[in-house]
Amino acid sequence: MPSQEGILKEEMESIKRDIIALYESSGKKVSGEFLEGLEVSQNGSSTTLKGYTYLAGRAAGRMPPIQKIEAWVNAKGISAVGKASTSLAWAIAKKIAAEGTSPENHLAIYDKIITPQRIDSIIEKVVAFNVGLFTTELQVELKKLTVNK
């Protein structure tokens, strides 16, 4: 029987695989940084999935890092007549700061994969494990009581 930690680790790894599959099929891949940032870690009974959120877009406000925009511009092969990639990246960053990013370009990847139904399924597996463990421990204690009579 798997442990509670094992159940959680396998479920997070499954979520990670599904996120990767959706990302790979989305056409959003440019640098691969998103995939490199996905990480499942476990510390005792706590299992965590870490990753970047930038696929979900950016609200207006502060300018995004120009170096990141420039890397994206270069990776996409975007060029503007008479402008260096740094100047183009600055202009894009300035526009994002003013208006945010366009919602139709967003990919709420975590919301698509980590659904309430999926969370309920994970909870049911952990609860079933804990109920099974409790039942087994209870049976052992009851046998001890009947033997000690």
N, C-alpha and C. Protein backbone atom coordinates (compact mmCIF):
# COMPACT_ATOMS: atom_id res chain seq x y z
N MET A 1 0.86 -1.19 0.00
CA MET A 1 0.00 0.00 0.00
C MET A 1 0.90 1.24 0.00
N PRO A 2 0.63 2.18 -0.87
CA PRO A 2 1.46 3.39 -0.92
C PRO A 2 1.22 4.27 0.31
N SER A 3 2.18 5.09 0.64
CA SER A 3 2.04 6.02 1.76
C SER A 3 1.29 7.27 1.30
N GLN A 4 0.85 8.05 2.27
CA GLN A 4 0.18 9.31 1.95
C GLN A 4 1.14 10.20 1.17
N GLU A 5 2.41 10.23 1.57
CA GLU A 5 3.41 11.02 0.87
C GLU A 5 3.58 10.53 -0.56
N GLY A 6 3.55 9.20 -0.74
CA GLY A 6 3.67 8.61 -2.07
C GLY A 6 2.51 8.98 -2.97
N ILE A 7 1.31 8.98 -2.38
CA ILE A 7 0.11 9.36 -3.14
C ILE A 7 0.23 10.81 -3.59
N LEU A 8 0.60 11.69 -2.67
CA LEU A 8 0.71 13.11 -3.01
C LEU A 8 1.80 13.36 -4.05
N LYS A 9 2.94 12.69 -3.89
CA LYS A 9 4.06 12.86 -4.85
C LYS A 9 3.61 12.41 -6.24
N GLU A 10 2.97 11.25 -6.33
CA GLU A 10 2.53 10.74 -7.64
C GLU A 10 1.47 11.66 -8.25
N GLU A 11 0.57 12.19 -7.45
CA GLU A 11 -0.46 13.09 -7.97
C GLU A 11 0.17 14.39 -8.48
N MET A 12 1.13 14.94 -7.76
CA MET A 12 1.80 16.17 -8.22
C MET A 12 2.62 15.91 -9.48
N GLU A 13 3.27 14.76 -9.56
CA GLU A 13 4.01 14.42 -10.78
C GLU A 13 3.05 14.26 -11.96
N SER A 14 1.87 13.70 -11.71
CA SER A 14 0.85 13.56 -12.75
C SER A 14 0.37 14.94 -13.22
N ILE A 15 0.15 15.84 -12.28
CA ILE A 15 -0.25 17.20 -12.62
C ILE A 15 0.84 17.86 -13.45
N LYS A 16 2.09 17.69 -13.04
CA LYS A 16 3.21 18.27 -13.77
C LYS A 16 3.26 17.74 -15.20
N ARG A 17 3.07 16.42 -15.38
CA ARG A 17 3.06 15.83 -16.73
C ARG A 17 1.94 16.43 -17.58
N ASP A 18 0.78 16.62 -16.99
CA ASP A 18 -0.35 17.18 -17.72
C ASP A 18 -0.12 18.65 -18.08
N ILE A 19 0.51 19.39 -17.19
CA ILE A 19 0.85 20.79 -17.47
C ILE A 19 1.83 20.85 -18.63
N ILE A 20 2.84 19.98 -18.60
CA ILE A 20 3.83 19.95 -19.68
C ILE A 20 3.16 19.61 -21.01
N ALA A 21 2.28 18.62 -21.01
CA ALA A 21 1.60 18.22 -22.25
C ALA A 21 0.76 19.38 -22.80
N LEU A 22 0.02 20.07 -21.94
CA LEU A 22 -0.80 21.20 -22.39
C LEU A 22 0.10 22.33 -22.90
N TYR A 23 1.18 22.60 -22.20
CA TYR A 23 2.10 23.66 -22.61
C TYR A 23 2.73 23.34 -23.96
N GLU A 24 3.17 22.10 -24.13
CA GLU A 24 3.80 21.70 -25.39
C GLU A 24 2.83 21.83 -26.57
N SER A 25 1.55 21.58 -26.33
CA SER A 25 0.57 21.64 -27.42
C SER A 25 -0.03 23.04 -27.60
N SER A 26 0.31 23.99 -26.72
CA SER A 26 -0.32 25.31 -26.74
C SER A 26 0.27 26.28 -27.76
N GLY A 27 1.47 26.01 -28.22
CA GLY A 27 2.14 26.95 -29.11
C GLY A 27 2.75 28.13 -28.37
N LYS A 28 2.78 28.08 -27.05
CA LYS A 28 3.33 29.17 -26.24
C LYS A 28 4.82 28.99 -25.95
N LYS A 29 5.37 27.84 -26.29
CA LYS A 29 6.78 27.58 -25.97
C LYS A 29 7.70 28.45 -26.82
N VAL A 30 8.59 29.16 -26.14
CA VAL A 30 9.58 29.99 -26.83
C VAL A 30 10.97 29.59 -26.34
N SER A 31 11.26 29.87 -25.08
CA SER A 31 12.61 29.64 -24.56
C SER A 31 12.75 28.32 -23.81
N GLY A 32 11.67 27.75 -23.34
CA GLY A 32 11.75 26.55 -22.52
C GLY A 32 11.89 26.85 -21.04
N GLU A 33 11.97 28.13 -20.70
CA GLU A 33 12.14 28.53 -19.29
C GLU A 33 10.95 28.06 -18.44
N PHE A 34 9.75 28.10 -19.01
CA PHE A 34 8.57 27.66 -18.25
C PHE A 34 8.74 26.22 -17.79
N LEU A 35 9.17 25.35 -18.70
CA LEU A 35 9.35 23.93 -18.36
C LEU A 35 10.45 23.74 -17.33
N GLU A 36 11.53 24.49 -17.48
CA GLU A 36 12.64 24.39 -16.53
C GLU A 36 12.23 24.82 -15.13
N GLY A 37 11.24 25.71 -15.05
CA GLY A 37 10.79 26.22 -13.75
C GLY A 37 9.81 25.31 -13.03
N LEU A 38 9.25 24.31 -13.72
CA LEU A 38 8.31 23.39 -13.08
C LEU A 38 9.08 22.42 -12.20
N GLU A 39 8.68 22.33 -10.94
CA GLU A 39 9.40 21.47 -10.01
C GLU A 39 8.45 20.93 -8.95
N VAL A 40 8.52 19.63 -8.73
CA VAL A 40 7.78 19.01 -7.65
C VAL A 40 8.79 18.72 -6.54
N SER A 41 8.47 19.18 -5.34
CA SER A 41 9.36 18.91 -4.21
C SER A 41 8.53 18.36 -3.05
N GLN A 42 9.21 17.55 -2.24
CA GLN A 42 8.52 16.95 -1.11
C GLN A 42 9.37 17.14 0.14
N ASN A 43 8.71 17.56 1.20
CA ASN A 43 9.37 17.75 2.48
C ASN A 43 8.46 17.15 3.53
N GLY A 44 8.77 15.94 3.94
CA GLY A 44 7.90 15.24 4.89
C GLY A 44 6.57 14.92 4.24
N SER A 45 5.48 15.35 4.86
CA SER A 45 4.15 15.07 4.31
C SER A 45 3.66 16.19 3.39
N SER A 46 4.51 17.18 3.13
CA SER A 46 4.14 18.31 2.28
C SER A 46 4.74 18.14 0.88
N THR A 47 3.90 18.19 -0.12
CA THR A 47 4.34 18.09 -1.51
C THR A 47 3.94 19.37 -2.22
N THR A 48 4.88 19.96 -2.96
CA THR A 48 4.65 21.26 -3.59
C THR A 48 5.01 21.21 -5.07
N LEU A 49 4.20 21.87 -5.88
CA LEU A 49 4.49 22.08 -7.29
C LEU A 49 4.80 23.56 -7.46
N LYS A 50 5.99 23.85 -7.96
CA LYS A 50 6.40 25.24 -8.18
C LYS A 50 6.51 25.49 -9.67
N GLY A 51 6.18 26.69 -10.09
CA GLY A 51 6.29 27.04 -11.49
C GLY A 51 6.01 28.51 -11.73
N TYR A 52 6.31 28.95 -12.94
CA TYR A 52 6.08 30.33 -13.33
C TYR A 52 4.60 30.57 -13.63
N THR A 53 4.15 31.79 -13.42
CA THR A 53 2.74 32.13 -13.68
C THR A 53 2.57 33.05 -14.88
N TYR A 54 3.65 33.41 -15.57
CA TYR A 54 3.55 34.44 -16.60
C TYR A 54 2.68 34.05 -17.80
N LEU A 55 2.34 32.80 -17.98
CA LEU A 55 1.46 32.42 -19.09
C LEU A 55 0.04 32.95 -18.88
N ALA A 56 -0.30 33.26 -17.64
CA ALA A 56 -1.63 33.77 -17.33
C ALA A 56 -1.75 35.26 -17.58
N GLY A 57 -0.71 35.89 -18.08
CA GLY A 57 -0.77 37.29 -18.44
C GLY A 57 -0.23 38.21 -17.36
N ARG A 58 -0.30 39.48 -17.65
CA ARG A 58 0.24 40.49 -16.75
C ARG A 58 -0.69 41.70 -16.78
N ALA A 59 -1.03 42.17 -15.59
CA ALA A 59 -1.87 43.36 -15.48
C ALA A 59 -1.02 44.60 -15.73
N ALA A 60 -1.68 45.69 -16.09
CA ALA A 60 -0.96 46.96 -16.25
C ALA A 60 -0.37 47.36 -14.91
N GLY A 61 0.69 48.13 -14.97
CA GLY A 61 1.37 48.56 -13.75
C GLY A 61 2.84 48.76 -14.02
N ARG A 62 3.65 47.99 -13.35
CA ARG A 62 5.10 48.10 -13.53
C ARG A 62 5.55 47.48 -14.85
N MET A 63 6.67 47.96 -15.34
CA MET A 63 7.25 47.40 -16.57
C MET A 63 7.85 46.03 -16.28
N PRO A 64 7.63 45.07 -17.18
CA PRO A 64 8.31 43.79 -17.02
C PRO A 64 9.80 43.96 -17.32
N PRO A 65 10.62 42.99 -16.94
CA PRO A 65 12.06 43.10 -17.20
C PRO A 65 12.35 43.17 -18.71
N ILE A 66 13.04 44.21 -19.12
CA ILE A 66 13.34 44.41 -20.54
C ILE A 66 14.19 43.28 -21.09
N GLN A 67 15.12 42.75 -20.28
CA GLN A 67 15.99 41.66 -20.74
C GLN A 67 15.17 40.41 -21.09
N LYS A 68 14.14 40.14 -20.31
CA LYS A 68 13.28 38.97 -20.59
C LYS A 68 12.48 39.20 -21.88
N ILE A 69 11.98 40.41 -22.06
CA ILE A 69 11.24 40.74 -23.29
C ILE A 69 12.18 40.65 -24.49
N GLU A 70 13.40 41.14 -24.33
CA GLU A 70 14.37 41.10 -25.43
C GLU A 70 14.70 39.65 -25.80
N ALA A 71 14.87 38.80 -24.80
CA ALA A 71 15.13 37.37 -25.07
C ALA A 71 13.95 36.76 -25.83
N TRP A 72 12.72 37.14 -25.43
CA TRP A 72 11.53 36.64 -26.11
C TRP A 72 11.48 37.13 -27.55
N VAL A 73 11.77 38.42 -27.76
CA VAL A 73 11.79 39.02 -29.11
C VAL A 73 12.78 38.26 -29.99
N ASN A 74 13.97 38.02 -29.47
CA ASN A 74 15.00 37.31 -30.25
C ASN A 74 14.60 35.86 -30.52
N ALA A 75 14.05 35.19 -29.50
CA ALA A 75 13.64 33.79 -29.69
C ALA A 75 12.51 33.65 -30.71
N LYS A 76 11.62 34.63 -30.74
CA LYS A 76 10.51 34.61 -31.69
C LYS A 76 10.93 35.08 -33.08
N GLY A 77 12.12 35.69 -33.17
CA GLY A 77 12.58 36.19 -34.46
C GLY A 77 11.85 37.45 -34.89
N ILE A 78 11.36 38.22 -33.93
CA ILE A 78 10.63 39.44 -34.23
C ILE A 78 11.63 40.57 -34.47
N SER A 79 11.38 41.35 -35.49
CA SER A 79 12.24 42.51 -35.73
C SER A 79 11.38 43.67 -36.20
N ALA A 80 11.86 44.85 -35.94
CA ALA A 80 11.18 46.06 -36.40
C ALA A 80 12.18 46.83 -37.25
N VAL A 81 11.72 47.38 -38.32
CA VAL A 81 12.59 48.11 -39.25
C VAL A 81 13.28 49.24 -38.50
N GLY A 82 14.60 49.22 -38.55
CA GLY A 82 15.39 50.30 -37.97
C GLY A 82 15.49 50.29 -36.46
N LYS A 83 14.99 49.26 -35.78
CA LYS A 83 15.07 49.21 -34.32
C LYS A 83 15.88 48.00 -33.88
N ALA A 84 16.72 48.21 -32.88
CA ALA A 84 17.46 47.10 -32.27
C ALA A 84 16.49 46.33 -31.39
N SER A 85 16.83 45.07 -31.10
CA SER A 85 15.93 44.26 -30.28
C SER A 85 15.74 44.87 -28.89
N THR A 86 16.76 45.56 -28.37
CA THR A 86 16.62 46.21 -27.06
C THR A 86 15.59 47.34 -27.12
N SER A 87 15.61 48.12 -28.17
CA SER A 87 14.64 49.21 -28.32
C SER A 87 13.23 48.66 -28.47
N LEU A 88 13.10 47.60 -29.25
CA LEU A 88 11.80 46.98 -29.44
C LEU A 88 11.30 46.39 -28.12
N ALA A 89 12.19 45.74 -27.39
CA ALA A 89 11.81 45.16 -26.10
C ALA A 89 11.37 46.25 -25.13
N TRP A 90 12.06 47.39 -25.13
CA TRP A 90 11.69 48.50 -24.27
C TRP A 90 10.29 49.00 -24.63
N ALA A 91 10.02 49.13 -25.92
CA ALA A 91 8.70 49.62 -26.36
C ALA A 91 7.60 48.63 -25.95
N ILE A 92 7.87 47.34 -26.10
CA ILE A 92 6.88 46.32 -25.70
C ILE A 92 6.66 46.37 -24.20
N ALA A 93 7.74 46.44 -23.43
CA ALA A 93 7.64 46.50 -21.97
C ALA A 93 6.85 47.73 -21.53
N LYS A 94 7.08 48.86 -22.20
CA LYS A 94 6.37 50.10 -21.89
C LYS A 94 4.86 49.94 -22.15
N LYS A 95 4.52 49.29 -23.26
CA LYS A 95 3.11 49.07 -23.59
C LYS A 95 2.46 48.11 -22.59
N ILE A 96 3.19 47.06 -22.20
CA ILE A 96 2.66 46.12 -21.21
C ILE A 96 2.43 46.84 -19.89
N ALA A 97 3.37 47.71 -19.50
CA ALA A 97 3.21 48.47 -18.25
C ALA A 97 1.96 49.34 -18.30
N ALA A 98 1.67 49.90 -19.47
CA ALA A 98 0.53 50.80 -19.61
C ALA A 98 -0.80 50.05 -19.73
N GLU A 99 -0.80 48.94 -20.47
CA GLU A 99 -2.07 48.27 -20.79
C GLU A 99 -2.20 46.84 -20.27
N GLY A 100 -1.12 46.26 -19.81
CA GLY A 100 -1.14 44.84 -19.47
C GLY A 100 -1.05 44.02 -20.74
N THR A 101 -1.19 42.73 -20.62
CA THR A 101 -1.17 41.87 -21.81
C THR A 101 -2.59 41.53 -22.21
N SER A 102 -2.76 41.19 -23.45
CA SER A 102 -4.07 40.92 -24.01
C SER A 102 -4.63 39.59 -23.50
N PRO A 103 -5.82 39.59 -22.90
CA PRO A 103 -6.40 38.37 -22.34
C PRO A 103 -6.52 37.21 -23.33
N GLU A 104 -6.73 37.50 -24.61
CA GLU A 104 -6.87 36.38 -25.57
C GLU A 104 -5.55 35.64 -25.78
N ASN A 105 -4.45 36.22 -25.34
CA ASN A 105 -3.15 35.56 -25.45
C ASN A 105 -2.75 34.82 -24.18
N HIS A 106 -3.56 34.90 -23.14
CA HIS A 106 -3.24 34.27 -21.87
C HIS A 106 -3.50 32.77 -21.93
N LEU A 107 -2.79 32.03 -21.14
CA LEU A 107 -3.02 30.59 -20.98
C LEU A 107 -3.04 30.31 -19.48
N ALA A 108 -4.23 30.15 -18.93
CA ALA A 108 -4.39 29.86 -17.50
C ALA A 108 -4.14 28.36 -17.31
N ILE A 109 -2.90 27.97 -17.52
CA ILE A 109 -2.54 26.55 -17.59
C ILE A 109 -2.81 25.81 -16.28
N TYR A 110 -2.54 26.45 -15.15
CA TYR A 110 -2.76 25.78 -13.86
C TYR A 110 -4.25 25.58 -13.62
N ASP A 111 -5.06 26.58 -13.98
CA ASP A 111 -6.51 26.46 -13.80
C ASP A 111 -7.10 25.37 -14.68
N LYS A 112 -6.52 25.15 -15.84
CA LYS A 112 -7.02 24.13 -16.76
C LYS A 112 -6.69 22.72 -16.26
N ILE A 113 -5.57 22.58 -15.58
CA ILE A 113 -5.10 21.25 -15.13
C ILE A 113 -5.53 20.95 -13.70
N ILE A 114 -5.38 21.93 -12.82
CA ILE A 114 -5.69 21.71 -11.40
C ILE A 114 -7.12 22.18 -11.15
N THR A 115 -8.04 21.34 -11.52
CA THR A 115 -9.47 21.66 -11.42
C THR A 115 -10.01 21.25 -10.04
N PRO A 116 -11.15 21.80 -9.65
CA PRO A 116 -11.76 21.37 -8.38
C PRO A 116 -12.02 19.85 -8.36
N GLN A 117 -12.39 19.28 -9.50
CA GLN A 117 -12.63 17.84 -9.56
C GLN A 117 -11.34 17.07 -9.29
N ARG A 118 -10.24 17.56 -9.83
CA ARG A 118 -8.96 16.88 -9.62
C ARG A 118 -8.53 16.98 -8.17
N ILE A 119 -8.72 18.14 -7.58
CA ILE A 119 -8.39 18.32 -6.16
C ILE A 119 -9.23 17.38 -5.31
N ASP A 120 -10.54 17.29 -5.60
CA ASP A 120 -11.41 16.37 -4.87
C ASP A 120 -10.93 14.93 -5.00
N SER A 121 -10.49 14.55 -6.19
CA SER A 121 -9.99 13.19 -6.42
C SER A 121 -8.76 12.90 -5.57
N ILE A 122 -7.85 13.87 -5.49
CA ILE A 122 -6.65 13.70 -4.66
C ILE A 122 -7.03 13.58 -3.19
N ILE A 123 -7.95 14.44 -2.75
CA ILE A 123 -8.40 14.39 -1.35
C ILE A 123 -9.01 13.03 -1.05
N GLU A 124 -9.83 12.51 -1.97
CA GLU A 124 -10.46 11.20 -1.76
C GLU A 124 -9.41 10.11 -1.63
N LYS A 125 -8.36 10.16 -2.43
CA LYS A 125 -7.30 9.14 -2.34
C LYS A 125 -6.57 9.20 -1.01
N VAL A 126 -6.28 10.42 -0.55
CA VAL A 126 -5.57 10.58 0.73
C VAL A 126 -6.48 10.16 1.87
N VAL A 127 -7.75 10.55 1.83
CA VAL A 127 -8.70 10.16 2.87
C VAL A 127 -8.85 8.64 2.90
N ALA A 128 -8.99 8.03 1.72
CA ALA A 128 -9.13 6.57 1.66
C ALA A 128 -7.89 5.90 2.28
N PHE A 129 -6.72 6.44 2.01
CA PHE A 129 -5.50 5.89 2.59
C PHE A 129 -5.54 6.03 4.10
N ASN A 130 -5.89 7.22 4.60
CA ASN A 130 -5.92 7.45 6.05
C ASN A 130 -6.98 6.60 6.74
N VAL A 131 -8.15 6.44 6.10
CA VAL A 131 -9.19 5.59 6.68
C VAL A 131 -8.70 4.14 6.72
N GLY A 132 -8.06 3.70 5.63
CA GLY A 132 -7.50 2.35 5.60
C GLY A 132 -6.46 2.14 6.68
N LEU A 133 -5.59 3.10 6.87
CA LEU A 133 -4.55 3.04 7.89
C LEU A 133 -5.18 3.00 9.28
N PHE A 134 -6.17 3.86 9.52
CA PHE A 134 -6.87 3.89 10.80
C PHE A 134 -7.55 2.56 11.08
N THR A 135 -8.21 2.02 10.06
CA THR A 135 -8.92 0.74 10.22
C THR A 135 -7.94 -0.37 10.56
N THR A 136 -6.82 -0.41 9.88
CA THR A 136 -5.79 -1.43 10.15
C THR A 136 -5.27 -1.29 11.57
N GLU A 137 -4.97 -0.08 12.00
CA GLU A 137 -4.47 0.16 13.36
C GLU A 137 -5.53 -0.22 14.39
N LEU A 138 -6.78 0.09 14.10
CA LEU A 138 -7.87 -0.24 15.00
C LEU A 138 -8.01 -1.76 15.14
N GLN A 139 -7.92 -2.47 14.01
CA GLN A 139 -8.02 -3.93 14.04
C GLN A 139 -6.88 -4.53 14.87
N VAL A 140 -5.68 -4.00 14.71
CA VAL A 140 -4.53 -4.49 15.49
C VAL A 140 -4.77 -4.27 16.97
N GLU A 141 -5.26 -3.09 17.35
CA GLU A 141 -5.53 -2.79 18.76
C GLU A 141 -6.65 -3.66 19.31
N LEU A 142 -7.69 -3.91 18.51
CA LEU A 142 -8.78 -4.78 18.95
C LEU A 142 -8.30 -6.20 19.15
N LYS A 143 -7.41 -6.69 18.28
CA LYS A 143 -6.85 -8.03 18.45
C LYS A 143 -6.03 -8.10 19.73
N LYS A 144 -5.30 -7.06 20.04
CA LYS A 144 -4.51 -7.02 21.27
C LYS A 144 -5.43 -7.12 22.48
N LEU A 145 -6.57 -6.42 22.43
CA LEU A 145 -7.53 -6.45 23.54
C LEU A 145 -8.12 -7.84 23.71
N THR A 146 -8.45 -8.51 22.61
CA THR A 146 -9.05 -9.85 22.72
C THR A 146 -8.02 -10.88 23.17
N VAL A 147 -6.78 -10.72 22.82
CA VAL A 147 -5.72 -11.65 23.22
C VAL A 147 -5.41 -11.46 24.70
N ASN A 148 -5.47 -10.24 25.21
CA ASN A 148 -5.12 -9.93 26.59
C ASN A 148 -6.27 -10.19 27.57
N LYS A 149 -7.39 -10.73 27.15
CA LYS A 149 -8.53 -10.99 28.04
C LYS A 149 -8.23 -12.14 28.95
